[in-house]
Structures are given as C-alpha cells and as structure tokens.
Amino acid sequence: MSDYSTSVFKNPFFLRQKLNLYLQTPEKTELYARACEKFTKNGYLEWQSSWSWWAFFFPVVFFVLRKHYFAAFVAFFLTNLFPLISNIIYAMFAKYFVIKRFCKFLRYENDEILVKYGGRLPFIVAIGLIFLVITLLVFLSNISISSYQEYINLHKI
C-alpha cells in the first residue's frame, strides 16, 4: 500500500469518506469500513475471514454489481463446477476483493477516479432477479412435464 493509502486506513473518518465515494452506497460504507479496519490491522492489506450473504447466494451478481468482472467470470464457471464449496469461498473473500480493488484506485490520490471506477451497476440486480425467475420457471416446468409424462405412463390402458 502507498503512504496515502496507509494514511487513509489509519484515519477512520477519512476512510469512511473515501469508501463512501468509492462504494456510492452510504448504507454499506460502515460495513466495508469495519472490513477495511479488520483487513489492515498490521499496516498492510491482508485477508481476514469475513462473510457476505450476497456473495454466497449470488456470487456472479455480487461481483458484477461491484464492477469486479474477472471475479464474476471465474465465479460463473466455478459455481457451476463446485456449487457449494465455491459459494462459501466467495462469501468469505467477497469483501476482501472489494477492499483490494478500492486500494488499487486509492493509490491514485484522486477522488474522481474513486467515483469513476467505484460504485455499482444497479441494473445487474434486476437482471439477476429476472434470470433467477426464468431459472425457477424452467425448473418447475421440467418437473411438471416429467410428472405429467409419468402420469400418462402409469395410466395407459
């Protein structure tokens, strides 16, 4: 971490101010500020255990929402290969990924960069919910079709 980043992490008020610019969601600032303080106890950024329910249930949506596209890409494939294990890992590392990306842009010492590359993509939540509804409808229709075919097979004369 740069000297500037270290000074931001050492000052709780300044940290929250910069996080608020970066996250652009004031209701999440305190949550991530506590995570930052946990991750930088020794003066440098190191992973400590944390948890994110959003990342557990919707890892791809979480990472795209926070503009962490590579993590979303990896999450898409690993979630399909190892669903439960990968979701637990994402839930444990999600806040760290967000804070690490925050540190990357913090070193430029420019609030405009924090605002530009921070924030989130709110329409992604809507897309994720639409995808979830479509998935549930397909799942339920497959169950209905297989149940109907079973019924037909049992009642043949």
N, C-alpha and C. Protein backbone atom coordinates (compact mmCIF):
# COMPACT_ATOMS: atom_id res chain seq x y z
N MET A 1 0.84 -1.18 0.00
CA MET A 1 0.00 0.00 0.00
C MET A 1 0.88 1.24 0.00
N SER A 2 0.40 2.28 -0.65
CA SER A 2 1.14 3.54 -0.69
C SER A 2 1.00 4.27 0.64
N ASP A 3 1.80 5.30 0.82
CA ASP A 3 1.72 6.10 2.04
C ASP A 3 0.35 6.75 2.16
N TYR A 4 -0.18 7.19 1.03
CA TYR A 4 -1.50 7.82 1.03
C TYR A 4 -2.56 6.80 1.48
N SER A 5 -2.51 5.60 0.93
CA SER A 5 -3.46 4.56 1.31
C SER A 5 -3.37 4.25 2.79
N THR A 6 -2.15 4.16 3.29
CA THR A 6 -1.94 3.88 4.71
C THR A 6 -2.54 4.99 5.57
N SER A 7 -2.36 6.24 5.15
CA SER A 7 -2.92 7.36 5.92
C SER A 7 -4.45 7.32 5.90
N VAL A 8 -5.04 6.89 4.79
CA VAL A 8 -6.50 6.78 4.71
C VAL A 8 -6.98 5.70 5.66
N PHE A 9 -6.30 4.56 5.66
CA PHE A 9 -6.74 3.45 6.51
C PHE A 9 -6.52 3.73 7.99
N LYS A 10 -5.58 4.59 8.33
CA LYS A 10 -5.32 4.91 9.74
C LYS A 10 -6.31 5.91 10.31
N ASN A 11 -6.97 6.68 9.45
CA ASN A 11 -7.91 7.70 9.90
C ASN A 11 -9.34 7.21 9.63
N PRO A 12 -10.08 6.80 10.68
CA PRO A 12 -11.42 6.23 10.47
C PRO A 12 -12.39 7.17 9.73
N PHE A 13 -12.34 8.46 10.02
CA PHE A 13 -13.23 9.40 9.34
C PHE A 13 -12.89 9.50 7.85
N PHE A 14 -11.61 9.64 7.56
CA PHE A 14 -11.13 9.75 6.17
C PHE A 14 -11.43 8.46 5.40
N LEU A 15 -11.25 7.33 6.06
CA LEU A 15 -11.54 6.03 5.44
C LEU A 15 -13.00 5.96 5.02
N ARG A 16 -13.90 6.33 5.92
CA ARG A 16 -15.32 6.27 5.62
C ARG A 16 -15.69 7.26 4.51
N GLN A 17 -15.05 8.41 4.50
CA GLN A 17 -15.30 9.40 3.46
C GLN A 17 -14.90 8.85 2.08
N LYS A 18 -13.72 8.26 2.00
CA LYS A 18 -13.24 7.70 0.72
C LYS A 18 -14.06 6.48 0.30
N LEU A 19 -14.40 5.64 1.27
CA LEU A 19 -15.24 4.47 0.95
C LEU A 19 -16.61 4.89 0.44
N ASN A 20 -17.15 5.94 1.03
CA ASN A 20 -18.45 6.43 0.59
C ASN A 20 -18.38 6.90 -0.86
N LEU A 21 -17.28 7.56 -1.23
CA LEU A 21 -17.09 7.97 -2.63
C LEU A 21 -16.98 6.75 -3.54
N TYR A 22 -16.21 5.77 -3.09
CA TYR A 22 -15.95 4.59 -3.92
C TYR A 22 -17.19 3.69 -4.05
N LEU A 23 -17.82 3.38 -2.92
CA LEU A 23 -18.95 2.45 -2.95
C LEU A 23 -20.22 3.07 -3.53
N GLN A 24 -20.41 4.34 -3.27
CA GLN A 24 -21.60 5.08 -3.71
C GLN A 24 -22.89 4.46 -3.18
N THR A 25 -22.77 3.78 -2.06
CA THR A 25 -23.92 3.25 -1.32
C THR A 25 -23.68 3.55 0.15
N PRO A 26 -24.17 4.69 0.64
CA PRO A 26 -23.89 5.09 2.02
C PRO A 26 -24.27 4.05 3.07
N GLU A 27 -25.30 3.27 2.79
CA GLU A 27 -25.72 2.25 3.77
C GLU A 27 -24.71 1.12 3.91
N LYS A 28 -23.81 0.96 2.96
CA LYS A 28 -22.79 -0.10 3.01
C LYS A 28 -21.43 0.41 3.49
N THR A 29 -21.28 1.71 3.62
CA THR A 29 -19.98 2.29 3.96
C THR A 29 -19.46 1.76 5.29
N GLU A 30 -20.28 1.74 6.30
CA GLU A 30 -19.84 1.29 7.62
C GLU A 30 -19.45 -0.18 7.60
N LEU A 31 -20.21 -0.98 6.90
CA LEU A 31 -19.91 -2.41 6.78
C LEU A 31 -18.52 -2.64 6.18
N TYR A 32 -18.23 -1.94 5.09
CA TYR A 32 -16.94 -2.09 4.43
C TYR A 32 -15.82 -1.39 5.20
N ALA A 33 -16.16 -0.34 5.94
CA ALA A 33 -15.14 0.33 6.77
C ALA A 33 -14.66 -0.62 7.86
N ARG A 34 -15.59 -1.32 8.48
CA ARG A 34 -15.18 -2.31 9.51
C ARG A 34 -14.35 -3.42 8.89
N ALA A 35 -14.70 -3.83 7.67
CA ALA A 35 -13.91 -4.85 6.97
C ALA A 35 -12.51 -4.31 6.67
N CYS A 36 -12.42 -3.06 6.22
CA CYS A 36 -11.12 -2.43 5.95
C CYS A 36 -10.25 -2.42 7.20
N GLU A 37 -10.84 -2.03 8.31
CA GLU A 37 -10.09 -1.98 9.57
C GLU A 37 -9.61 -3.37 9.97
N LYS A 38 -10.42 -4.35 9.70
CA LYS A 38 -10.05 -5.74 10.00
C LYS A 38 -8.91 -6.22 9.08
N PHE A 39 -8.99 -5.87 7.80
CA PHE A 39 -8.02 -6.33 6.82
C PHE A 39 -6.68 -5.59 6.91
N THR A 40 -6.63 -4.44 7.55
CA THR A 40 -5.40 -3.63 7.59
C THR A 40 -4.89 -3.42 9.01
N LYS A 41 -5.11 -4.34 9.89
CA LYS A 41 -4.66 -4.19 11.28
C LYS A 41 -3.14 -4.03 11.40
N ASN A 42 -2.38 -4.70 10.58
CA ASN A 42 -0.92 -4.69 10.68
C ASN A 42 -0.27 -3.64 9.78
N GLY A 43 -1.05 -2.73 9.22
CA GLY A 43 -0.49 -1.68 8.39
C GLY A 43 -0.42 -2.03 6.91
N TYR A 44 -0.80 -3.21 6.55
CA TYR A 44 -0.87 -3.60 5.14
C TYR A 44 -2.11 -4.46 4.95
N LEU A 45 -2.53 -4.58 3.73
CA LEU A 45 -3.76 -5.30 3.41
C LEU A 45 -3.51 -6.80 3.45
N GLU A 46 -4.23 -7.47 4.32
CA GLU A 46 -4.15 -8.93 4.38
C GLU A 46 -5.55 -9.48 4.62
N TRP A 47 -5.80 -10.64 4.04
CA TRP A 47 -7.13 -11.23 4.13
C TRP A 47 -7.38 -11.75 5.54
N GLN A 48 -8.55 -11.44 6.04
CA GLN A 48 -9.07 -12.00 7.28
C GLN A 48 -10.46 -12.54 6.95
N SER A 49 -10.91 -13.48 7.70
CA SER A 49 -12.21 -14.07 7.43
C SER A 49 -13.33 -13.04 7.57
N SER A 50 -14.20 -13.02 6.57
CA SER A 50 -15.40 -12.18 6.61
C SER A 50 -16.51 -12.95 5.91
N TRP A 51 -17.70 -12.37 5.85
CA TRP A 51 -18.80 -13.09 5.23
C TRP A 51 -19.71 -12.12 4.49
N SER A 52 -20.19 -12.56 3.34
CA SER A 52 -21.16 -11.79 2.56
C SER A 52 -22.25 -12.74 2.07
N TRP A 53 -23.45 -12.52 2.55
CA TRP A 53 -24.56 -13.37 2.11
C TRP A 53 -24.87 -13.18 0.64
N TRP A 54 -24.73 -11.95 0.14
CA TRP A 54 -24.94 -11.70 -1.29
C TRP A 54 -23.98 -12.53 -2.14
N ALA A 55 -22.72 -12.56 -1.71
CA ALA A 55 -21.73 -13.33 -2.46
C ALA A 55 -21.96 -14.82 -2.32
N PHE A 56 -22.55 -15.24 -1.22
CA PHE A 56 -22.83 -16.66 -1.05
C PHE A 56 -23.95 -17.12 -1.98
N PHE A 57 -25.05 -16.37 -2.00
CA PHE A 57 -26.20 -16.80 -2.80
C PHE A 57 -26.11 -16.39 -4.27
N PHE A 58 -25.51 -15.23 -4.54
CA PHE A 58 -25.45 -14.72 -5.91
C PHE A 58 -24.04 -14.20 -6.22
N PRO A 59 -23.03 -15.07 -6.29
CA PRO A 59 -21.66 -14.58 -6.45
C PRO A 59 -21.44 -13.80 -7.75
N VAL A 60 -21.97 -14.27 -8.85
CA VAL A 60 -21.76 -13.58 -10.12
C VAL A 60 -22.40 -12.20 -10.07
N VAL A 61 -23.63 -12.13 -9.58
CA VAL A 61 -24.32 -10.84 -9.48
C VAL A 61 -23.56 -9.90 -8.54
N PHE A 62 -23.08 -10.43 -7.42
CA PHE A 62 -22.34 -9.60 -6.47
C PHE A 62 -21.11 -8.97 -7.12
N PHE A 63 -20.32 -9.78 -7.82
CA PHE A 63 -19.08 -9.25 -8.40
C PHE A 63 -19.34 -8.32 -9.57
N VAL A 64 -20.32 -8.61 -10.40
CA VAL A 64 -20.64 -7.68 -11.49
C VAL A 64 -21.21 -6.39 -10.93
N LEU A 65 -22.03 -6.50 -9.91
CA LEU A 65 -22.61 -5.32 -9.27
C LEU A 65 -21.53 -4.38 -8.77
N ARG A 66 -20.44 -4.93 -8.26
CA ARG A 66 -19.34 -4.13 -7.74
C ARG A 66 -18.23 -3.92 -8.78
N LYS A 67 -18.52 -4.20 -10.04
CA LYS A 67 -17.61 -3.97 -11.16
C LYS A 67 -16.31 -4.77 -11.05
N HIS A 68 -16.39 -5.95 -10.51
CA HIS A 68 -15.23 -6.84 -10.40
C HIS A 68 -15.46 -7.97 -11.40
N TYR A 69 -15.25 -7.66 -12.68
CA TYR A 69 -15.66 -8.53 -13.77
C TYR A 69 -14.88 -9.84 -13.86
N PHE A 70 -13.59 -9.80 -13.58
CA PHE A 70 -12.82 -11.04 -13.66
C PHE A 70 -13.30 -12.04 -12.60
N ALA A 71 -13.53 -11.55 -11.38
CA ALA A 71 -14.04 -12.42 -10.32
C ALA A 71 -15.42 -12.98 -10.70
N ALA A 72 -16.24 -12.18 -11.36
CA ALA A 72 -17.56 -12.65 -11.81
C ALA A 72 -17.41 -13.75 -12.86
N PHE A 73 -16.46 -13.56 -13.76
CA PHE A 73 -16.21 -14.55 -14.80
C PHE A 73 -15.77 -15.88 -14.18
N VAL A 74 -14.85 -15.82 -13.25
CA VAL A 74 -14.38 -17.03 -12.56
C VAL A 74 -15.51 -17.65 -11.75
N ALA A 75 -16.28 -16.81 -11.07
CA ALA A 75 -17.40 -17.30 -10.25
C ALA A 75 -18.42 -18.04 -11.10
N PHE A 76 -18.66 -17.53 -12.30
CA PHE A 76 -19.64 -18.18 -13.18
C PHE A 76 -19.26 -19.63 -13.45
N PHE A 77 -18.00 -19.88 -13.75
CA PHE A 77 -17.57 -21.24 -14.06
C PHE A 77 -17.41 -22.11 -12.82
N LEU A 78 -16.81 -21.57 -11.79
CA LEU A 78 -16.59 -22.39 -10.59
C LEU A 78 -17.89 -22.71 -9.86
N THR A 79 -18.84 -21.80 -9.90
CA THR A 79 -20.12 -22.06 -9.25
C THR A 79 -20.84 -23.21 -9.92
N ASN A 80 -20.67 -23.34 -11.23
CA ASN A 80 -21.29 -24.45 -11.93
C ASN A 80 -20.56 -25.77 -11.69
N LEU A 81 -19.25 -25.71 -11.48
CA LEU A 81 -18.47 -26.94 -11.24
C LEU A 81 -18.56 -27.41 -9.79
N PHE A 82 -18.41 -26.48 -8.87
CA PHE A 82 -18.39 -26.80 -7.44
C PHE A 82 -19.33 -25.84 -6.70
N PRO A 83 -20.63 -26.05 -6.78
CA PRO A 83 -21.57 -25.05 -6.30
C PRO A 83 -21.41 -24.63 -4.84
N LEU A 84 -21.50 -25.52 -3.92
CA LEU A 84 -21.50 -25.13 -2.51
C LEU A 84 -20.12 -24.65 -2.05
N ILE A 85 -19.09 -25.38 -2.41
CA ILE A 85 -17.74 -25.03 -1.96
C ILE A 85 -17.33 -23.66 -2.50
N SER A 86 -17.56 -23.43 -3.77
CA SER A 86 -17.16 -22.14 -4.35
C SER A 86 -17.98 -21.00 -3.76
N ASN A 87 -19.26 -21.21 -3.49
CA ASN A 87 -20.07 -20.14 -2.90
C ASN A 87 -19.59 -19.78 -1.50
N ILE A 88 -19.17 -20.77 -0.74
CA ILE A 88 -18.63 -20.49 0.59
C ILE A 88 -17.34 -19.69 0.48
N ILE A 89 -16.50 -20.06 -0.46
CA ILE A 89 -15.24 -19.32 -0.65
C ILE A 89 -15.51 -17.89 -1.09
N TYR A 90 -16.45 -17.70 -2.02
CA TYR A 90 -16.78 -16.34 -2.46
C TYR A 90 -17.34 -15.51 -1.31
N ALA A 91 -18.18 -16.11 -0.50
CA ALA A 91 -18.75 -15.38 0.63
C ALA A 91 -17.66 -14.93 1.60
N MET A 92 -16.63 -15.75 1.75
CA MET A 92 -15.53 -15.42 2.66
C MET A 92 -14.59 -14.36 2.09
N PHE A 93 -14.43 -14.33 0.78
CA PHE A 93 -13.46 -13.43 0.14
C PHE A 93 -14.07 -12.19 -0.50
N ALA A 94 -15.38 -12.09 -0.59
CA ALA A 94 -16.03 -11.02 -1.36
C ALA A 94 -15.65 -9.63 -0.88
N LYS A 95 -15.73 -9.39 0.41
CA LYS A 95 -15.40 -8.05 0.92
C LYS A 95 -13.92 -7.74 0.70
N TYR A 96 -13.09 -8.75 0.83
CA TYR A 96 -11.66 -8.54 0.59
C TYR A 96 -11.41 -8.10 -0.86
N PHE A 97 -12.09 -8.74 -1.81
CA PHE A 97 -11.95 -8.35 -3.22
C PHE A 97 -12.35 -6.89 -3.44
N VAL A 98 -13.45 -6.49 -2.81
CA VAL A 98 -13.92 -5.10 -2.96
C VAL A 98 -12.91 -4.14 -2.35
N ILE A 99 -12.38 -4.47 -1.17
CA ILE A 99 -11.41 -3.59 -0.49
C ILE A 99 -10.09 -3.55 -1.26
N LYS A 100 -9.68 -4.68 -1.79
CA LYS A 100 -8.44 -4.70 -2.57
C LYS A 100 -8.55 -3.82 -3.81
N ARG A 101 -9.69 -3.87 -4.46
CA ARG A 101 -9.92 -3.02 -5.64
C ARG A 101 -9.98 -1.55 -5.22
N PHE A 102 -10.56 -1.28 -4.07
CA PHE A 102 -10.60 0.08 -3.51
C PHE A 102 -9.17 0.59 -3.31
N CYS A 103 -8.30 -0.23 -2.76
CA CYS A 103 -6.89 0.14 -2.54
C CYS A 103 -6.19 0.44 -3.86
N LYS A 104 -6.51 -0.33 -4.88
CA LYS A 104 -5.90 -0.14 -6.19
C LYS A 104 -6.17 1.28 -6.71
N PHE A 105 -7.39 1.74 -6.56
CA PHE A 105 -7.74 3.08 -7.07
C PHE A 105 -7.44 4.18 -6.06
N LEU A 106 -7.31 3.83 -4.81
CA LEU A 106 -6.99 4.81 -3.77
C LEU A 106 -5.57 5.35 -3.96
N ARG A 107 -4.67 4.54 -4.45
CA ARG A 107 -3.27 4.95 -4.59
C ARG A 107 -3.09 6.12 -5.57
N TYR A 108 -4.10 6.37 -6.44
CA TYR A 108 -4.01 7.49 -7.37
C TYR A 108 -4.27 8.85 -6.70
N GLU A 109 -4.74 8.80 -5.45
CA GLU A 109 -4.99 10.01 -4.66
C GLU A 109 -5.92 10.97 -5.38
N ASN A 110 -6.93 10.42 -6.06
CA ASN A 110 -7.83 11.22 -6.85
C ASN A 110 -9.26 10.75 -6.60
N ASP A 111 -10.08 11.62 -6.04
CA ASP A 111 -11.47 11.25 -5.73
C ASP A 111 -12.29 10.97 -6.97
N GLU A 112 -11.98 11.63 -8.06
CA GLU A 112 -12.71 11.39 -9.31
C GLU A 112 -12.51 9.97 -9.81
N ILE A 113 -11.31 9.43 -9.63
CA ILE A 113 -11.04 8.05 -10.03
C ILE A 113 -11.82 7.09 -9.15
N LEU A 114 -11.89 7.38 -7.84
CA LEU A 114 -12.67 6.53 -6.93
C LEU A 114 -14.13 6.49 -7.37
N VAL A 115 -14.67 7.64 -7.73
CA VAL A 115 -16.07 7.70 -8.14
C VAL A 115 -16.27 7.00 -9.48
N LYS A 116 -15.36 7.24 -10.42
CA LYS A 116 -15.49 6.67 -11.76
C LYS A 116 -15.42 5.14 -11.75
N TYR A 117 -14.44 4.58 -11.05
CA TYR A 117 -14.23 3.14 -11.07
C TYR A 117 -14.91 2.41 -9.92
N GLY A 118 -15.48 3.15 -9.02
CA GLY A 118 -16.21 2.55 -7.91
C GLY A 118 -17.68 2.44 -8.24
N GLY A 119 -18.47 2.45 -7.21
CA GLY A 119 -19.91 2.38 -7.40
C GLY A 119 -20.37 0.98 -7.73
N ARG A 120 -21.52 0.93 -8.28
CA ARG A 120 -22.08 -0.38 -8.64
C ARG A 120 -22.98 -0.22 -9.85
N LEU A 121 -23.38 -1.34 -10.37
CA LEU A 121 -24.27 -1.36 -11.53
C LEU A 121 -25.63 -1.86 -11.06
N PRO A 122 -26.53 -0.96 -10.65
CA PRO A 122 -27.79 -1.39 -10.03
C PRO A 122 -28.69 -2.21 -10.95
N PHE A 123 -28.59 -2.03 -12.26
CA PHE A 123 -29.44 -2.81 -13.15
C PHE A 123 -29.07 -4.29 -13.13
N ILE A 124 -27.88 -4.60 -12.64
CA ILE A 124 -27.45 -6.01 -12.58
C ILE A 124 -28.33 -6.79 -11.61
N VAL A 125 -28.76 -6.16 -10.54
CA VAL A 125 -29.65 -6.84 -9.59
C VAL A 125 -30.95 -7.22 -10.29
N ALA A 126 -31.49 -6.31 -11.07
CA ALA A 126 -32.73 -6.59 -11.81
C ALA A 126 -32.50 -7.73 -12.80
N ILE A 127 -31.39 -7.69 -13.51
CA ILE A 127 -31.08 -8.76 -14.46
C ILE A 127 -30.91 -10.09 -13.73
N GLY A 128 -30.23 -10.06 -12.59
CA GLY A 128 -30.06 -11.27 -11.79
C GLY A 128 -31.38 -11.84 -11.31
N LEU A 129 -32.29 -10.98 -10.88
CA LEU A 129 -33.61 -11.44 -10.43
C LEU A 129 -34.43 -12.01 -11.59
N ILE A 130 -34.34 -11.38 -12.74
CA ILE A 130 -35.04 -11.90 -13.92
C ILE A 130 -34.48 -13.28 -14.29
N PHE A 131 -33.16 -13.40 -14.25
CA PHE A 131 -32.52 -14.69 -14.55
C PHE A 131 -32.96 -15.75 -13.54
N LEU A 132 -33.05 -15.38 -12.26
CA LEU A 132 -33.48 -16.30 -11.22
C LEU A 132 -34.92 -16.76 -11.45
N VAL A 133 -35.80 -15.85 -11.80
CA VAL A 133 -37.20 -16.20 -12.06
C VAL A 133 -37.29 -17.13 -13.26
N ILE A 134 -36.56 -16.82 -14.32
CA ILE A 134 -36.57 -17.68 -15.51
C ILE A 134 -36.05 -19.07 -15.17
N THR A 135 -34.97 -19.13 -14.40
CA THR A 135 -34.42 -20.43 -13.99
C THR A 135 -35.44 -21.23 -13.18
N LEU A 136 -36.11 -20.57 -12.25
CA LEU A 136 -37.13 -21.26 -11.45
C LEU A 136 -38.29 -21.73 -12.31
N LEU A 137 -38.71 -20.91 -13.26
CA LEU A 137 -39.81 -21.31 -14.15
C LEU A 137 -39.42 -22.51 -15.01
N VAL A 138 -38.20 -22.51 -15.52
CA VAL A 138 -37.73 -23.65 -16.32
C VAL A 138 -37.66 -24.90 -15.45
N PHE A 139 -37.15 -24.75 -14.24
CA PHE A 139 -37.05 -25.89 -13.32
C PHE A 139 -38.44 -26.44 -13.01
N LEU A 140 -39.37 -25.56 -12.69
CA LEU A 140 -40.73 -26.01 -12.36
C LEU A 140 -41.43 -26.60 -13.58
N SER A 141 -41.20 -26.06 -14.75
CA SER A 141 -41.83 -26.62 -15.95
C SER A 141 -41.26 -28.01 -16.25
N ASN A 142 -39.97 -28.21 -16.02
CA ASN A 142 -39.38 -29.54 -16.22
C ASN A 142 -39.97 -30.55 -15.25
N ILE A 143 -40.19 -30.12 -14.02
CA ILE A 143 -40.82 -31.02 -13.04
C ILE A 143 -42.24 -31.34 -13.48
N SER A 144 -42.97 -30.33 -13.94
CA SER A 144 -44.35 -30.53 -14.37
C SER A 144 -44.42 -31.47 -15.56
N ILE A 145 -43.54 -31.28 -16.53
CA ILE A 145 -43.54 -32.12 -17.73
C ILE A 145 -43.21 -33.56 -17.37
N SER A 146 -42.20 -33.76 -16.52
CA SER A 146 -41.83 -35.14 -16.16
C SER A 146 -42.93 -35.79 -15.32
N SER A 147 -43.59 -35.02 -14.46
CA SER A 147 -44.70 -35.56 -13.67
C SER A 147 -45.86 -35.95 -14.57
N TYR A 148 -46.15 -35.12 -15.55
CA TYR A 148 -47.24 -35.41 -16.49
C TYR A 148 -46.92 -36.66 -17.32
N GLN A 149 -45.68 -36.77 -17.77
CA GLN A 149 -45.30 -37.96 -18.55
C GLN A 149 -45.38 -39.22 -17.69
N GLU A 150 -45.01 -39.10 -16.43
CA GLU A 150 -45.12 -40.24 -15.52
C GLU A 150 -46.58 -40.63 -15.32
N TYR A 151 -47.42 -39.63 -15.17
CA TYR A 151 -48.86 -39.88 -15.01
C TYR A 151 -49.43 -40.58 -16.24
N ILE A 152 -49.06 -40.11 -17.42
CA ILE A 152 -49.52 -40.72 -18.67
C ILE A 152 -49.06 -42.17 -18.76
N ASN A 153 -47.81 -42.42 -18.43
CA ASN A 153 -47.26 -43.79 -18.49
C ASN A 153 -47.94 -44.72 -17.50
N LEU A 154 -48.30 -44.22 -16.34
CA LEU A 154 -48.94 -45.07 -15.33
C LEU A 154 -50.40 -45.39 -15.69
N HIS A 155 -51.05 -44.51 -16.39
CA HIS A 155 -52.47 -44.67 -16.68
C HIS A 155 -52.77 -45.10 -18.10
N LYS A 156 -51.79 -45.69 -18.76
CA LYS A 156 -52.03 -46.23 -20.11
C LYS A 156 -52.88 -47.48 -20.00
N ILE A 157 -53.70 -47.61 -20.95
CA ILE A 157 -54.58 -48.80 -20.95
C ILE A 157 -54.04 -49.83 -21.90
